[in-house]
């Protein structure tokens, strides 16, 4: 509140899962109590997050923000901004409006020409017209290096200026977030067999990283490999069994690559006797499916494609299997945040399982940082260039090998078909990937 005495805008970076929505609702309540505002409007990137805002604000304020008669405001998606009529925007001229922007990094731009559509709406319709604005983000940077709308950057360094930061370390210490345990699965003896015109060639690789870097096999190929999925899902199911001994309603999330892959994962889970829901942007009544899962005790798993990566609040999620092809740090941290929200005194740990792919391994090592500052830097705001990434030290690494009987799964055998760069008239090579029982888990934790 003291901050608003000097400037009407506040930017808060809080680690995913820390409770940014409740912070916004508490601030709105305070502003209403002090009679500094008449209305509150909230904008968020998805319908799921909007619904969460409406629910949380109703709990804290004791009043609705559904935009109907008798409400003290409304909550909308960023997409909806460009479809509001002039009557809606006149609210800023006739009332003192407090505006909350969730995950503000989706809105880019400091000037109209270098902004995305959502950023343009903020600059044109809201900036300098709202009584107060609050911007929230768990990952306040953009992959395209554009500046964030309403954000301030230092000069000449171009560093993002946050008015308040609440990192993962602080959230764990305060008992707000669970401490993550990140398990990267690797294999020390991978065999790749290439068959072409009845001739075969076999090559061995000492790691998954070497296989991806030195062969035609891609990371996405491995995600679709049935036996790779079995290996990661097996570890996730095993961990969820242990967690549910003390938390009977605990659940797991699988982040899949696309819709076809999601149903492939669902079949693999069902083959293990696991009940699961699948939710994608093509799922009819997706929000109802998510709400059903949120309050269910019996269904243990939900498989999602782009629906539960950001802002969606399902506190019983405690185990996650990362099987998506997306490898940006922003997306990775948002997914991790889905299993970090703590709901009890003894609710200490969250678990994330993924392949030991080099990019993901680098992200995992950086998790202990409150904010990867290099990602939130514009070296020159005018030219929108970015600073190169710095390397960070390792965080509490423990390596466990199968030779010590840590992972008790059989060998993986599967086929991967890859188009050849040669002429279509020539025979296409066939690749077969075999994983030995020499698995190891690299465990990183805070």
Protein backbone atom coordinates (compact mmCIF):
# COMPACT_ATOMS: atom_id res chain seq x y z
CA UNK A 1 0.00 0.00 0.00
CA UNK A 2 2.87 2.39 0.74
CA UNK A 3 4.15 1.80 -2.80
CA UNK A 4 0.86 3.03 -4.27
CA UNK A 5 1.33 6.40 -2.56
CA UNK A 6 4.09 7.25 -5.05
CA UNK A 7 3.23 5.25 -8.17
CA UNK A 8 0.06 3.48 -9.35
CA UNK A 9 1.78 0.38 -10.76
CA UNK A 10 3.29 -2.60 -8.91
CA UNK A 11 5.13 -5.60 -10.42
CA UNK A 12 5.44 -8.73 -8.29
CA UNK A 13 7.48 -11.78 -9.23
CA UNK A 14 6.47 -14.77 -7.14
CA UNK A 15 7.48 -18.35 -7.79
CA UNK A 16 4.77 -20.49 -9.43
CA UNK A 17 2.61 -22.07 -6.74
CA UNK A 18 3.23 -19.32 -4.17
CA UNK A 19 -0.34 -17.95 -4.23
CA UNK A 20 -0.24 -14.84 -6.42
CA UNK A 21 -4.03 -14.82 -6.83
CA UNK A 22 -4.62 -14.65 -3.09
CA UNK A 23 -2.09 -11.82 -2.81
CA UNK A 24 -4.02 -9.87 -5.45
CA UNK A 25 -7.33 -10.51 -3.69
CA UNK A 26 -5.93 -9.35 -0.34
CA UNK A 27 -4.60 -6.15 -1.93
CA UNK A 28 -7.96 -5.50 -3.58
CA UNK A 29 -9.70 -6.00 -0.24
CA UNK A 30 -7.36 -3.47 1.37
CA UNK A 31 -7.98 -0.91 -1.37
CA UNK A 32 -11.74 -1.37 -1.04
CA UNK A 33 -11.53 -0.98 2.75
CA UNK A 34 -9.61 2.28 2.36
CA UNK A 35 -12.17 3.45 -0.23
CA UNK A 36 -9.47 4.01 -2.83
CA UNK A 37 -11.17 1.99 -5.60
CA UNK A 38 -14.67 1.35 -6.93
CA UNK A 39 -14.09 -1.69 -9.12
CA UNK A 40 -11.53 -4.45 -9.68
CA UNK A 41 -10.84 -6.03 -13.07
CA UNK A 42 -8.61 -9.08 -13.53
CA UNK A 43 -7.05 -10.37 -16.74
CA UNK A 44 -5.37 -13.76 -17.16
CA UNK A 45 -4.10 -15.95 -20.02
CA UNK A 46 -6.69 -18.76 -19.80
CA UNK A 47 -10.27 -19.54 -18.80
CA UNK A 48 -9.01 -21.87 -16.07
CA UNK A 49 -7.01 -19.09 -14.42
CA UNK A 50 -9.91 -16.64 -14.77
CA UNK A 51 -12.18 -19.06 -12.95
CA UNK A 52 -9.58 -19.35 -10.20
CA UNK A 53 -9.52 -15.57 -9.84
CA UNK A 54 -13.30 -15.42 -9.52
CA UNK A 55 -13.33 -18.11 -6.86
CA UNK A 56 -10.44 -16.72 -4.79
CA UNK A 57 -11.63 -13.11 -4.94
CA UNK A 58 -15.12 -14.18 -3.88
CA UNK A 59 -13.63 -15.98 -0.85
CA UNK A 60 -11.45 -13.03 0.19
CA UNK A 61 -13.79 -10.13 -0.65
CA UNK A 62 -17.06 -11.83 0.14
CA UNK A 63 -18.31 -10.36 -3.14
CA UNK A 64 -18.48 -11.55 -6.73
CA UNK A 65 -16.24 -10.41 -9.60
CA UNK A 66 -18.18 -12.20 -12.34
CA UNK A 67 -19.14 -9.00 -14.18
CA UNK A 68 -22.86 -9.33 -13.48
CA UNK A 69 -25.20 -6.98 -11.63
CA UNK A 70 -24.16 -6.65 -7.99
CA UNK A 71 -20.54 -7.68 -8.59
CA UNK A 72 -17.59 -5.47 -7.66
CA UNK A 73 -15.74 -6.26 -10.85
CA UNK A 74 -14.97 -8.91 -13.40
CA UNK A 75 -12.31 -11.38 -14.51
CA UNK A 76 -11.54 -12.00 -18.17
CA UNK A 77 -8.99 -13.60 -20.46
CA UNK A 78 -6.46 -11.48 -22.32
CA UNK A 79 -8.05 -12.69 -25.56
CA UNK A 80 -11.35 -11.11 -24.48
CA UNK A 81 -9.85 -7.62 -24.15
CA UNK A 82 -10.00 -6.84 -27.86
CA UNK A 83 -13.65 -7.90 -27.99
CA UNK A 84 -14.94 -5.59 -25.24
CA UNK A 85 -17.06 -2.69 -26.46
CA UNK A 86 -16.60 0.99 -25.64
CA UNK A 87 -19.11 0.79 -22.80
CA UNK A 88 -16.72 -1.52 -20.98
CA UNK A 89 -13.72 0.76 -21.43
CA UNK A 90 -15.72 3.77 -20.24
CA UNK A 91 -15.55 2.21 -16.78
CA UNK A 92 -12.03 3.68 -16.52
CA UNK A 93 -13.38 7.18 -17.07
CA UNK A 94 -16.30 6.86 -14.67
CA UNK A 95 -14.81 4.79 -11.82
CA UNK A 96 -11.59 4.24 -9.92
CA UNK A 97 -10.52 0.86 -11.27
CA UNK A 98 -7.90 -1.50 -9.84
CA UNK A 99 -6.57 -3.82 -12.59
CA UNK A 100 -4.75 -7.10 -11.96
CA UNK A 101 -2.70 -8.72 -14.73
CA UNK A 102 -1.83 -12.35 -14.08
CA UNK A 103 1.24 -13.80 -15.84
CA UNK A 104 1.94 -10.39 -17.37
CA UNK A 105 4.82 -11.82 -19.40
CA UNK A 106 2.22 -12.84 -22.00
CA UNK A 107 1.72 -9.14 -22.79
CA UNK A 108 4.62 -7.59 -24.67
CA UNK A 109 5.48 -4.04 -25.47
CA UNK A 110 6.69 -0.64 -24.37
CA UNK A 111 5.39 1.13 -27.45
CA UNK A 112 2.48 0.33 -29.74
CA UNK A 113 4.51 -0.79 -32.77
CA UNK A 114 6.68 -3.25 -30.81
CA UNK A 115 3.85 -4.84 -28.85
CA UNK A 116 1.79 -7.96 -29.29
CA UNK A 117 -2.02 -7.69 -29.46
CA UNK A 118 -2.51 -8.05 -25.70
CA UNK A 119 0.21 -5.53 -24.95
CA UNK A 120 -1.37 -3.05 -27.35
CA UNK A 121 -4.69 -3.33 -25.53
CA UNK A 122 -3.01 -2.57 -22.21
CA UNK A 123 -1.09 0.40 -23.59
CA UNK A 124 -4.08 1.83 -25.41
CA UNK A 125 -6.95 1.02 -23.05
CA UNK A 126 -5.61 0.69 -19.51
CA UNK A 127 -2.23 2.34 -18.98
CA UNK A 128 -2.64 5.83 -17.47
CA UNK A 129 -6.41 5.27 -17.08
CA UNK A 130 -6.57 2.76 -14.21
CA UNK A 131 -6.37 4.03 -10.64
CA UNK A 132 -3.95 1.23 -9.72
CA UNK A 133 -2.45 -1.76 -11.54
CA UNK A 134 -0.85 -4.94 -10.23
CA UNK A 135 1.21 -7.14 -12.57
CA UNK A 136 1.98 -10.70 -11.46
CA UNK A 137 4.31 -13.30 -12.91
CA UNK A 138 6.09 -16.42 -11.78
CA UNK A 139 8.39 -16.24 -14.82
CA UNK A 140 8.78 -12.57 -15.79
CA UNK A 141 10.62 -12.85 -19.07
CA UNK A 142 9.73 -13.64 -22.68
CA UNK A 143 11.32 -16.12 -25.09
CA UNK A 144 11.15 -13.58 -27.92
CA UNK A 145 13.14 -10.99 -25.91
CA UNK A 146 10.41 -8.36 -26.17
CA UNK A 147 9.96 -6.15 -23.09
CA UNK A 148 6.97 -6.91 -20.87
CA UNK A 149 4.07 -4.47 -20.95
CA UNK A 150 4.05 -2.00 -18.02
CA UNK A 151 7.43 -3.30 -16.82
CA UNK A 152 10.40 -1.07 -16.01
CA UNK A 153 13.99 -1.84 -17.00
CA UNK A 154 17.16 -0.32 -15.63
CA UNK A 155 19.34 1.78 -17.89
CA UNK A 156 21.78 1.01 -19.41
CA UNK A 157 21.82 -2.57 -18.02
CA UNK A 158 18.31 -3.36 -19.18
CA UNK A 159 17.52 -5.43 -16.08
CA UNK A 160 13.89 -6.01 -15.18
CA UNK A 161 12.90 -4.02 -12.10
CA UNK A 162 10.56 -5.99 -9.83
CA UNK A 163 8.90 -4.10 -7.00
CA UNK A 164 8.82 -7.31 -4.98
CA UNK A 165 10.29 -10.76 -5.47
CA UNK A 166 9.26 -13.91 -3.67
CA UNK A 167 11.41 -16.79 -4.83
CA UNK A 168 11.19 -20.54 -4.46
CA UNK A 169 13.71 -20.62 -1.61
CA UNK A 170 11.65 -18.13 0.41
CA UNK A 171 8.42 -19.96 -0.37
CA UNK A 172 9.89 -23.27 0.83
CA UNK A 173 11.27 -21.68 3.99
CA UNK A 174 7.89 -20.07 4.75
CA UNK A 175 6.06 -23.36 4.22
CA UNK A 176 4.15 -22.02 1.23
CA UNK A 177 5.66 -24.34 -1.41
CA UNK A 178 6.89 -27.90 -1.41
CA UNK A 179 10.57 -28.57 -1.96
CA UNK A 180 11.01 -30.06 -5.45
CA UNK A 181 12.82 -33.33 -6.06
CA UNK A 182 13.73 -33.47 -9.75
CA UNK A 183 14.68 -36.87 -11.16
CA UNK A 184 16.36 -37.07 -14.56
CA UNK A 185 16.36 -40.55 -16.05
CA UNK A 186 19.36 -41.60 -18.12
CA UNK A 187 20.67 -44.82 -19.65
CA UNK A 188 24.33 -45.72 -19.82
CA UNK A 189 24.14 -48.27 -22.64
CA UNK A 190 21.87 -47.24 -25.51
CA UNK A 191 22.05 -49.30 -28.69
CA UNK A 192 20.93 -47.85 -32.03
CA UNK A 193 20.51 -50.26 -34.93
CA UNK A 194 20.18 -48.81 -38.43
CA UNK A 195 18.88 -51.17 -41.08
CA UNK A 196 18.93 -50.27 -44.75
CA UNK A 197 18.62 -52.58 -47.73
CA UNK A 198 19.16 -55.67 -45.55
CA UNK A 199 22.35 -54.25 -44.07
CA UNK A 200 22.54 -53.34 -40.40
CA UNK A 201 24.87 -51.14 -38.43
CA UNK A 202 24.92 -50.94 -34.65
CA UNK A 203 26.20 -48.05 -32.57
CA UNK A 204 26.37 -47.71 -28.78
CA UNK A 205 25.83 -44.49 -26.84
CA UNK A 206 26.78 -43.87 -23.20
CA UNK A 207 23.82 -41.57 -22.49
CA UNK A 208 20.54 -40.23 -23.81
CA UNK A 209 22.25 -36.88 -24.44
CA UNK A 210 24.83 -38.59 -26.66
CA UNK A 211 22.09 -40.46 -28.55
CA UNK A 212 20.21 -37.22 -29.27
CA UNK A 213 23.33 -35.26 -30.17
CA UNK A 214 25.07 -37.83 -32.36
CA UNK A 215 22.28 -39.70 -34.15
CA UNK A 216 19.09 -39.03 -36.15
CA UNK A 217 17.01 -39.87 -33.05
CA UNK A 218 15.35 -36.79 -31.59
CA UNK A 219 14.13 -35.98 -28.10
CA UNK A 220 10.53 -36.15 -29.35
CA UNK A 221 11.17 -39.60 -30.84
CA UNK A 222 12.12 -40.81 -27.38
CA UNK A 223 9.03 -39.27 -25.77
CA UNK A 224 6.86 -41.34 -28.13
CA UNK A 225 8.87 -44.52 -27.54
CA UNK A 226 6.50 -46.83 -25.65
CA UNK A 227 9.18 -48.27 -23.42
CA UNK A 228 10.63 -44.86 -22.52
CA UNK A 229 7.15 -43.79 -21.46
CA UNK A 230 6.79 -46.97 -19.41
CA UNK A 231 10.04 -46.23 -17.66
CA UNK A 232 9.14 -42.65 -16.64
CA UNK A 233 5.49 -43.43 -15.87
CA UNK A 234 6.63 -46.38 -13.79
CA UNK A 235 8.81 -44.14 -11.64
CA UNK A 236 5.96 -41.64 -11.30
CA UNK A 237 3.42 -44.29 -10.29
CA UNK A 238 5.85 -45.80 -7.81
CA UNK A 239 6.44 -42.40 -6.17
CA UNK A 240 2.72 -41.58 -6.13
CA UNK A 241 2.04 -44.88 -4.34
CA UNK A 242 4.45 -43.80 -1.60
CA UNK A 243 3.01 -40.29 -1.33
CA UNK A 244 -0.55 -41.56 -1.04
CA UNK A 245 0.37 -43.59 2.04
CA UNK A 246 0.37 -40.29 3.95
CA UNK A 247 -1.82 -38.24 1.56
CA UNK A 248 -4.60 -40.48 0.21
CA UNK A 249 -5.86 -37.88 -2.28
CA UNK A 250 -2.45 -37.04 -3.81
CA UNK A 251 -2.40 -37.09 -7.60
CA UNK A 252 -0.06 -36.98 -10.58
CA UNK A 253 0.19 -34.91 -13.74
CA UNK A 254 1.61 -36.01 -17.08
CA UNK A 255 2.40 -33.19 -19.52
CA UNK A 256 2.17 -34.70 -23.00
CA UNK A 257 3.42 -33.46 -26.37
CA UNK A 258 0.17 -33.44 -28.38
CA UNK A 259 -3.30 -34.98 -28.36
CA UNK A 260 -2.24 -38.25 -29.97
CA UNK A 261 0.61 -38.57 -27.50
CA UNK A 262 -1.72 -37.79 -24.59
CA UNK A 263 -3.95 -40.75 -25.43
CA UNK A 264 -0.89 -42.94 -25.90
CA UNK A 265 0.14 -41.99 -22.36
CA UNK A 266 -3.39 -42.60 -21.08
CA UNK A 267 -3.38 -46.12 -22.54
CA UNK A 268 -0.04 -46.81 -20.87
CA UNK A 269 -1.42 -45.64 -17.51
CA UNK A 270 -4.61 -47.66 -17.90
CA UNK A 271 -2.52 -50.74 -18.70
CA UNK A 272 -0.98 -50.24 -15.26
CA UNK A 273 -4.44 -50.16 -13.70
CA UNK A 274 -4.29 -46.38 -13.19
CA UNK A 275 -7.41 -44.25 -13.56
CA UNK A 276 -6.76 -41.01 -15.48
CA UNK A 277 -8.41 -38.05 -17.17
CA UNK A 278 -7.18 -36.57 -20.45
CA UNK A 279 -7.63 -32.84 -21.02
CA UNK A 280 -6.54 -30.91 -24.12
CA UNK A 281 -7.71 -27.81 -25.97
CA UNK A 282 -9.99 -30.12 -27.96
CA UNK A 283 -11.61 -31.67 -24.88
CA UNK A 284 -15.31 -30.87 -24.62
CA UNK A 285 -15.99 -29.20 -21.27
CA UNK A 286 -12.28 -29.07 -20.41
CA UNK A 287 -12.85 -26.83 -17.38
CA UNK A 288 -15.44 -29.25 -15.99
CA UNK A 289 -13.00 -32.14 -16.44
CA UNK A 290 -10.31 -30.20 -14.55
CA UNK A 291 -12.74 -29.27 -11.77
CA UNK A 292 -13.88 -32.89 -11.48
CA UNK A 293 -10.29 -34.03 -11.15
CA UNK A 294 -9.45 -31.24 -8.68
CA UNK A 295 -12.02 -32.50 -6.18
CA UNK A 296 -11.70 -36.24 -6.86
CA UNK A 297 -9.97 -38.63 -4.48
CA UNK A 298 -10.12 -41.75 -6.61
CA UNK A 299 -8.68 -40.62 -9.96
CA UNK A 300 -4.91 -40.55 -9.53
CA UNK A 301 -3.65 -39.06 -12.81
CA UNK A 302 -4.49 -36.31 -15.27
CA UNK A 303 -2.81 -36.17 -18.70
CA UNK A 304 -2.73 -32.69 -20.22
CA UNK A 305 -1.63 -30.90 -23.36
CA UNK A 306 -1.26 -27.16 -22.79
CA UNK A 307 -4.07 -26.98 -20.24
CA UNK A 308 -2.41 -27.31 -16.82
CA UNK A 309 0.94 -25.66 -17.44
CA UNK A 310 0.25 -22.22 -16.03
CA UNK A 311 -1.88 -20.82 -13.23
CA UNK A 312 -4.22 -23.81 -12.84
CA UNK A 313 -4.60 -24.59 -9.16
CA UNK A 314 -4.92 -28.30 -8.28
CA UNK A 315 -3.20 -28.56 -4.87
CA UNK A 316 -3.41 -32.36 -4.67
CA UNK A 317 -1.00 -32.65 -7.61
CA UNK A 318 2.32 -33.75 -6.13
CA UNK A 319 4.00 -35.86 -8.84
CA UNK A 320 4.65 -34.82 -12.45
CA UNK A 321 6.02 -36.68 -15.47
CA UNK A 322 7.42 -34.22 -18.02
CA UNK A 323 6.82 -35.81 -21.44
CA UNK A 324 6.37 -32.73 -23.59
CA UNK A 325 8.61 -31.67 -26.45
CA UNK A 326 8.54 -28.05 -25.22
CA UNK A 327 11.92 -27.14 -23.76
CA UNK A 328 11.84 -23.52 -22.71
CA UNK A 329 12.70 -22.51 -19.18
CA UNK A 330 9.51 -20.48 -18.89
CA UNK A 331 7.34 -23.52 -19.68
CA UNK A 332 9.43 -25.87 -17.53
CA UNK A 333 9.11 -23.62 -14.47
CA UNK A 334 5.39 -23.16 -14.97
CA UNK A 335 4.89 -26.95 -15.14
CA UNK A 336 7.01 -27.47 -12.04
CA UNK A 337 4.84 -24.90 -10.27
CA UNK A 338 1.76 -27.11 -10.71
CA UNK A 339 3.08 -29.57 -8.09
CA UNK A 340 4.62 -27.07 -5.65
CA UNK A 341 1.53 -25.72 -3.87
CA UNK A 342 1.64 -26.93 -0.28
CA UNK A 343 -1.59 -27.85 1.59
CA UNK A 344 -0.42 -29.19 4.95
CA UNK A 345 2.31 -29.05 7.57
CA UNK A 346 3.77 -32.42 6.54
CA UNK A 347 3.35 -31.78 2.82
CA UNK A 348 7.07 -31.33 2.20
CA UNK A 349 8.08 -32.61 -1.23
CA UNK A 350 7.04 -32.54 -4.87
CA UNK A 351 8.43 -34.84 -7.55
CA UNK A 352 9.22 -34.19 -11.21
CA UNK A 353 10.41 -36.97 -13.53
CA UNK A 354 11.91 -36.35 -16.96
CA UNK A 355 14.58 -37.57 -19.37
CA UNK A 356 18.16 -36.39 -18.87
CA UNK A 357 18.02 -34.26 -22.01
CA UNK A 358 20.75 -31.56 -21.90
CA UNK A 359 18.44 -28.53 -21.98
CA UNK A 360 16.11 -29.91 -19.32
CA UNK A 361 19.05 -30.87 -17.17
CA UNK A 362 20.33 -27.29 -17.33
CA UNK A 363 16.92 -25.96 -16.28
CA UNK A 364 16.79 -28.40 -13.38
CA UNK A 365 20.15 -27.22 -12.07
CA UNK A 366 18.91 -23.63 -12.12
CA UNK A 367 15.75 -24.32 -10.15
CA UNK A 368 17.32 -23.22 -6.88
CA UNK A 369 17.70 -19.68 -8.19
CA UNK A 370 14.99 -17.23 -7.18
CA UNK A 371 14.95 -15.79 -10.69
CA UNK A 372 17.28 -16.52 -13.60
CA UNK A 373 18.20 -12.87 -14.02
CA UNK A 374 19.84 -13.35 -17.38
CA UNK A 375 16.47 -14.29 -18.86
CA UNK A 376 14.91 -11.09 -17.52
CA UNK A 377 17.49 -8.77 -19.08
CA UNK A 378 17.22 -6.66 -22.19
CA UNK A 379 20.81 -5.74 -23.04
CA UNK A 380 19.56 -2.86 -25.15
CA UNK A 381 15.89 -2.17 -24.80
CA UNK A 382 15.82 -0.27 -28.08
CA UNK A 383 17.19 -3.16 -30.13
CA UNK A 384 15.50 -5.86 -28.00
CA UNK A 385 18.60 -8.05 -27.94
CA UNK A 386 19.23 -10.51 -25.13
CA UNK A 387 22.20 -11.31 -22.98
CA UNK A 388 23.81 -14.72 -23.39
CA UNK A 389 22.99 -17.30 -20.77
CA UNK A 390 25.47 -17.77 -17.98
CA UNK A 391 26.27 -21.19 -16.63
CA UNK A 392 25.27 -22.00 -13.07
CA UNK A 393 26.70 -24.42 -10.57
CA UNK A 394 25.05 -27.69 -9.71
CA UNK A 395 22.48 -27.97 -6.96
CA UNK A 396 22.65 -30.94 -4.60
CA UNK A 397 23.24 -33.70 -7.17
CA UNK A 398 23.05 -37.35 -6.21
CA UNK A 399 23.64 -40.07 -8.80
CA UNK A 400 22.14 -43.51 -8.36
CA UNK A 401 23.03 -46.34 -10.73
CA UNK A 402 21.10 -49.48 -11.59
CA UNK A 403 24.20 -51.48 -10.77
CA UNK A 404 23.21 -50.65 -7.18
CA UNK A 405 19.63 -51.92 -7.82
CA UNK A 406 18.00 -48.50 -7.66
CA UNK A 407 15.79 -48.89 -10.73
CA UNK A 408 14.33 -52.33 -11.24
CA UNK A 409 12.92 -52.30 -14.77
CA UNK A 410 13.72 -54.51 -17.69
CA UNK A 411 15.43 -53.46 -20.91
CA UNK A 412 13.68 -51.16 -23.35
CA UNK A 413 13.24 -52.28 -26.91
CA UNK A 414 11.40 -50.24 -29.50
CA UNK A 415 11.33 -48.98 -33.05
CA UNK A 416 11.76 -45.38 -34.18
CA UNK A 417 11.09 -44.46 -37.81
CA UNK A 418 12.81 -41.40 -39.20
CA UNK A 419 12.63 -39.91 -42.69
CA UNK A 420 15.94 -39.96 -44.51
CA UNK A 421 17.41 -36.88 -46.21
CA UNK A 422 18.29 -39.04 -49.23
CA UNK A 423 16.28 -39.23 -52.43
CA UNK A 424 12.81 -40.70 -51.99
CA UNK A 425 13.70 -43.32 -54.62
CA UNK A 426 16.21 -44.86 -52.28
CA UNK A 427 15.29 -47.22 -49.46
CA UNK A 428 14.50 -45.44 -46.19
CA UNK A 429 16.56 -46.50 -43.17
CA UNK A 430 14.87 -48.13 -40.21
CA UNK A 431 16.14 -47.36 -36.71
CA UNK A 432 15.70 -49.48 -33.64
CA UNK A 433 16.60 -48.15 -30.20
CA UNK A 434 17.38 -50.54 -27.38
CA UNK A 435 17.95 -49.42 -23.80
CA UNK A 436 19.93 -51.66 -21.47
CA UNK A 437 19.10 -52.15 -17.80
CA UNK A 438 21.95 -49.77 -16.92
CA UNK A 439 19.74 -46.92 -15.83
CA UNK A 440 20.67 -44.17 -13.49
CA UNK A 441 18.65 -41.47 -11.79
CA UNK A 442 20.14 -38.04 -11.26
CA UNK A 443 18.35 -36.46 -8.32
CA UNK A 444 18.41 -32.71 -7.88
CA UNK A 445 16.73 -31.11 -4.90
CA UNK A 446 16.64 -27.95 -2.84
